[in-house]
């Protein structure tokens, strides 16, 4: 397991990810293709977020997509259902060395 520190462009939202990241996912859903997210999925206990993030609840109201209220960077998503034990962390909030050489998995979110 590694510990990665990152955050949004202006620094108002900070992330600490305590997990081993072996691949990242690219999704083509209507939101992800617009924000350019590069996602790592993990249990919510592995992500620590601090700062001034605000949520956008999209389409089917199953996810809250969090972004900085100042610079607008999308940092992560959480499930609305507290029983869903997974979050998505936008790896682009970390230095490129943490994700640029990882295998990428395509997620066809547009078909969901």
C-alpha atoms as a PDB file:
ATOM      1  CA  UNK A   1       0.000   0.000   0.000  1.00  0.00           C
ATOM      2  CA  UNK A   2       1.187   3.491  -0.801  1.00  0.00           C
ATOM      3  CA  UNK A   3       0.184   6.890   0.504  1.00  0.00           C
ATOM      4  CA  UNK A   4      -0.358   9.572  -2.113  1.00  0.00           C
ATOM      5  CA  UNK A   5      -0.937  13.253  -1.399  1.00  0.00           C
ATOM      6  CA  UNK A   6      -2.655  15.489  -3.913  1.00  0.00           C
ATOM      7  CA  UNK A   7      -5.340  18.048  -4.408  1.00  0.00           C
ATOM      8  CA  UNK A   8      -7.073  20.520  -6.649  1.00  0.00           C
ATOM      9  CA  UNK A   9      -5.365  23.254  -8.661  1.00  0.00           C
ATOM     10  CA  UNK A  10      -5.768  26.031  -6.081  1.00  0.00           C
ATOM     11  CA  UNK A  11      -4.987  23.787  -3.093  1.00  0.00           C
ATOM     12  CA  UNK A  12      -8.269  24.335  -1.238  1.00  0.00           C
ATOM     13  CA  UNK A  13      -9.155  20.619  -1.480  1.00  0.00           C
ATOM     14  CA  UNK A  14      -6.524  18.141  -0.324  1.00  0.00           C
ATOM     15  CA  UNK A  15      -6.586  14.378  -0.827  1.00  0.00           C
ATOM     16  CA  UNK A  16      -4.691  11.556   0.851  1.00  0.00           C
ATOM     17  CA  UNK A  17      -5.067   8.149  -0.801  1.00  0.00           C
ATOM     18  CA  UNK A  18      -3.870   5.113   1.134  1.00  0.00           C
ATOM     19  CA  UNK A  19      -4.102   2.296  -1.384  1.00  0.00           C
ATOM     20  CA  UNK A  20      -2.145   0.394  -4.003  1.00  0.00           C
ATOM     21  CA  UNK A  21      -3.135   1.699  -7.416  1.00  0.00           C
ATOM     22  CA  UNK A  22      -2.541  -0.874 -10.158  1.00  0.00           C
ATOM     23  CA  UNK A  23      -4.762   0.552 -12.925  1.00  0.00           C
ATOM     24  CA  UNK A  24      -6.906   3.569 -13.696  1.00  0.00           C
ATOM     25  CA  UNK A  25     -10.253   3.765 -15.462  1.00  0.00           C
ATOM     26  CA  UNK A  26     -11.474   6.098 -18.167  1.00  0.00           C
ATOM     27  CA  UNK A  27     -15.232   6.423 -18.449  1.00  0.00           C
ATOM     28  CA  UNK A  28     -17.193   7.809 -21.391  1.00  0.00           C
ATOM     29  CA  UNK A  29     -20.375   8.731 -19.512  1.00  0.00           C
ATOM     30  CA  UNK A  30     -21.767  12.202 -20.099  1.00  0.00           C
ATOM     31  CA  UNK A  31     -20.018  13.626 -17.028  1.00  0.00           C
ATOM     32  CA  UNK A  32     -16.680  11.804 -17.014  1.00  0.00           C
ATOM     33  CA  UNK A  33     -15.945  12.589 -20.642  1.00  0.00           C
ATOM     34  CA  UNK A  34     -16.457  16.278 -19.847  1.00  0.00           C
ATOM     35  CA  UNK A  35     -14.357  16.430 -16.680  1.00  0.00           C
ATOM     36  CA  UNK A  36     -11.579  14.183 -18.007  1.00  0.00           C
ATOM     37  CA  UNK A  37     -11.481  12.030 -14.897  1.00  0.00           C
ATOM     38  CA  UNK A  38      -8.977   9.220 -14.575  1.00  0.00           C
ATOM     39  CA  UNK A  39     -10.474   7.041 -11.863  1.00  0.00           C
ATOM     40  CA  UNK A  40      -9.163   4.731  -9.175  1.00  0.00           C
ATOM     41  CA  UNK A  41     -11.866   2.858  -7.264  1.00  0.00           C
ATOM     42  CA  UNK A  42     -11.444   1.921  -3.616  1.00  0.00           C
ATOM     43  CA  UNK A  43     -13.213   1.692  -0.295  1.00  0.00           C
ATOM     44  CA  UNK A  44     -14.129   5.057   1.231  1.00  0.00           C
ATOM     45  CA  UNK A  45     -11.851   4.423   4.210  1.00  0.00           C
ATOM     46  CA  UNK A  46      -8.823   4.646   1.891  1.00  0.00           C
ATOM     47  CA  UNK A  47      -9.498   8.248   0.888  1.00  0.00           C
ATOM     48  CA  UNK A  48      -9.135  11.231   3.187  1.00  0.00           C
ATOM     49  CA  UNK A  49     -10.482  14.514   1.827  1.00  0.00           C
ATOM     50  CA  UNK A  50     -10.218  17.906   3.437  1.00  0.00           C
ATOM     51  CA  UNK A  51     -11.086  21.404   2.350  1.00  0.00           C
ATOM     52  CA  UNK A  52     -13.897  23.150   0.521  1.00  0.00           C
ATOM     53  CA  UNK A  53     -15.329  20.562  -1.855  1.00  0.00           C
ATOM     54  CA  UNK A  54     -18.945  20.751  -2.967  1.00  0.00           C
ATOM     55  CA  UNK A  55     -21.076  17.993  -4.467  1.00  0.00           C
ATOM     56  CA  UNK A  56     -22.917  17.809  -7.747  1.00  0.00           C
ATOM     57  CA  UNK A  57     -25.583  15.093  -7.755  1.00  0.00           C
ATOM     58  CA  UNK A  58     -25.988  13.921 -11.311  1.00  0.00           C
ATOM     59  CA  UNK A  59     -28.653  12.290 -13.458  1.00  0.00           C
ATOM     60  CA  UNK A  60     -29.912   9.186 -11.688  1.00  0.00           C
ATOM     61  CA  UNK A  61     -28.958  10.625  -8.270  1.00  0.00           C
ATOM     62  CA  UNK A  62     -26.737   7.663  -7.384  1.00  0.00           C
ATOM     63  CA  UNK A  63     -23.408   9.549  -7.163  1.00  0.00           C
ATOM     64  CA  UNK A  64     -22.161  12.818  -5.764  1.00  0.00           C
ATOM     65  CA  UNK A  65     -19.275  14.158  -7.824  1.00  0.00           C
ATOM     66  CA  UNK A  66     -17.109  16.432  -5.683  1.00  0.00           C
ATOM     67  CA  UNK A  67     -15.284  19.494  -6.950  1.00  0.00           C
ATOM     68  CA  UNK A  68     -13.439  22.448  -5.472  1.00  0.00           C
ATOM     69  CA  UNK A  69     -15.722  25.413  -4.913  1.00  0.00           C
ATOM     70  CA  UNK A  70     -12.903  27.768  -5.911  1.00  0.00           C
ATOM     71  CA  UNK A  71     -11.068  26.303  -8.934  1.00  0.00           C
ATOM     72  CA  UNK A  72     -13.669  23.715 -10.015  1.00  0.00           C
ATOM     73  CA  UNK A  73     -11.376  20.664 -10.215  1.00  0.00           C
ATOM     74  CA  UNK A  74     -13.294  17.383  -9.877  1.00  0.00           C
ATOM     75  CA  UNK A  75     -11.565  15.444  -7.117  1.00  0.00           C
ATOM     76  CA  UNK A  76     -13.654  12.336  -6.428  1.00  0.00           C
ATOM     77  CA  UNK A  77     -17.112  10.821  -6.325  1.00  0.00           C
ATOM     78  CA  UNK A  78     -19.049   9.153  -3.543  1.00  0.00           C
ATOM     79  CA  UNK A  79     -22.165   7.030  -3.634  1.00  0.00           C
ATOM     80  CA  UNK A  80     -25.435   8.467  -2.343  1.00  0.00           C
ATOM     81  CA  UNK A  81     -26.307   5.021  -0.949  1.00  0.00           C
ATOM     82  CA  UNK A  82     -24.237   4.596   2.242  1.00  0.00           C
ATOM     83  CA  UNK A  83     -24.278   0.830   1.663  1.00  0.00           C
ATOM     84  CA  UNK A  84     -22.247   1.186  -1.542  1.00  0.00           C
ATOM     85  CA  UNK A  85     -18.706   0.589  -0.338  1.00  0.00           C
ATOM     86  CA  UNK A  86     -16.766   2.333  -3.115  1.00  0.00           C
ATOM     87  CA  UNK A  87     -15.534   5.773  -4.099  1.00  0.00           C
ATOM     88  CA  UNK A  88     -13.878   7.007  -7.269  1.00  0.00           C
ATOM     89  CA  UNK A  89     -10.739   9.098  -6.903  1.00  0.00           C
ATOM     90  CA  UNK A  90      -9.631  11.299  -9.791  1.00  0.00           C
ATOM     91  CA  UNK A  91      -5.966  10.350 -10.088  1.00  0.00           C
ATOM     92  CA  UNK A  92      -5.276  13.529 -12.048  1.00  0.00           C
ATOM     93  CA  UNK A  93      -5.312  15.303  -8.671  1.00  0.00           C
ATOM     94  CA  UNK A  94      -1.970  13.626  -7.928  1.00  0.00           C
ATOM     95  CA  UNK A  95       1.411  14.094  -9.577  1.00  0.00           C
ATOM     96  CA  UNK A  96       1.614  12.413 -13.007  1.00  0.00           C
ATOM     97  CA  UNK A  97       4.269   9.981 -11.775  1.00  0.00           C
ATOM     98  CA  UNK A  98       1.553   8.313  -9.687  1.00  0.00           C
ATOM     99  CA  UNK A  99      -0.648   7.407 -12.684  1.00  0.00           C
ATOM    100  CA  UNK A 100       0.850   8.103 -16.111  1.00  0.00           C
ATOM    101  CA  UNK A 101       2.391   4.647 -16.609  1.00  0.00           C
ATOM    102  CA  UNK A 102      -0.519   2.644 -15.184  1.00  0.00           C
ATOM    103  CA  UNK A 103      -2.686   0.483 -17.437  1.00  0.00           C
ATOM    104  CA  UNK A 104      -5.974   2.124 -18.409  1.00  0.00           C
ATOM    105  CA  UNK A 105      -9.296   0.345 -18.354  1.00  0.00           C
ATOM    106  CA  UNK A 106     -12.143   1.631 -20.504  1.00  0.00           C
ATOM    107  CA  UNK A 107     -15.529   1.885 -18.765  1.00  0.00           C
ATOM    108  CA  UNK A 108     -18.491   2.222 -21.116  1.00  0.00           C
ATOM    109  CA  UNK A 109     -20.539   4.384 -18.759  1.00  0.00           C
ATOM    110  CA  UNK A 110     -22.473   5.831 -21.701  1.00  0.00           C
ATOM    111  CA  UNK A 111     -24.213   2.444 -22.018  1.00  0.00           C
ATOM    112  CA  UNK A 112     -25.393   2.244 -18.398  1.00  0.00           C
END
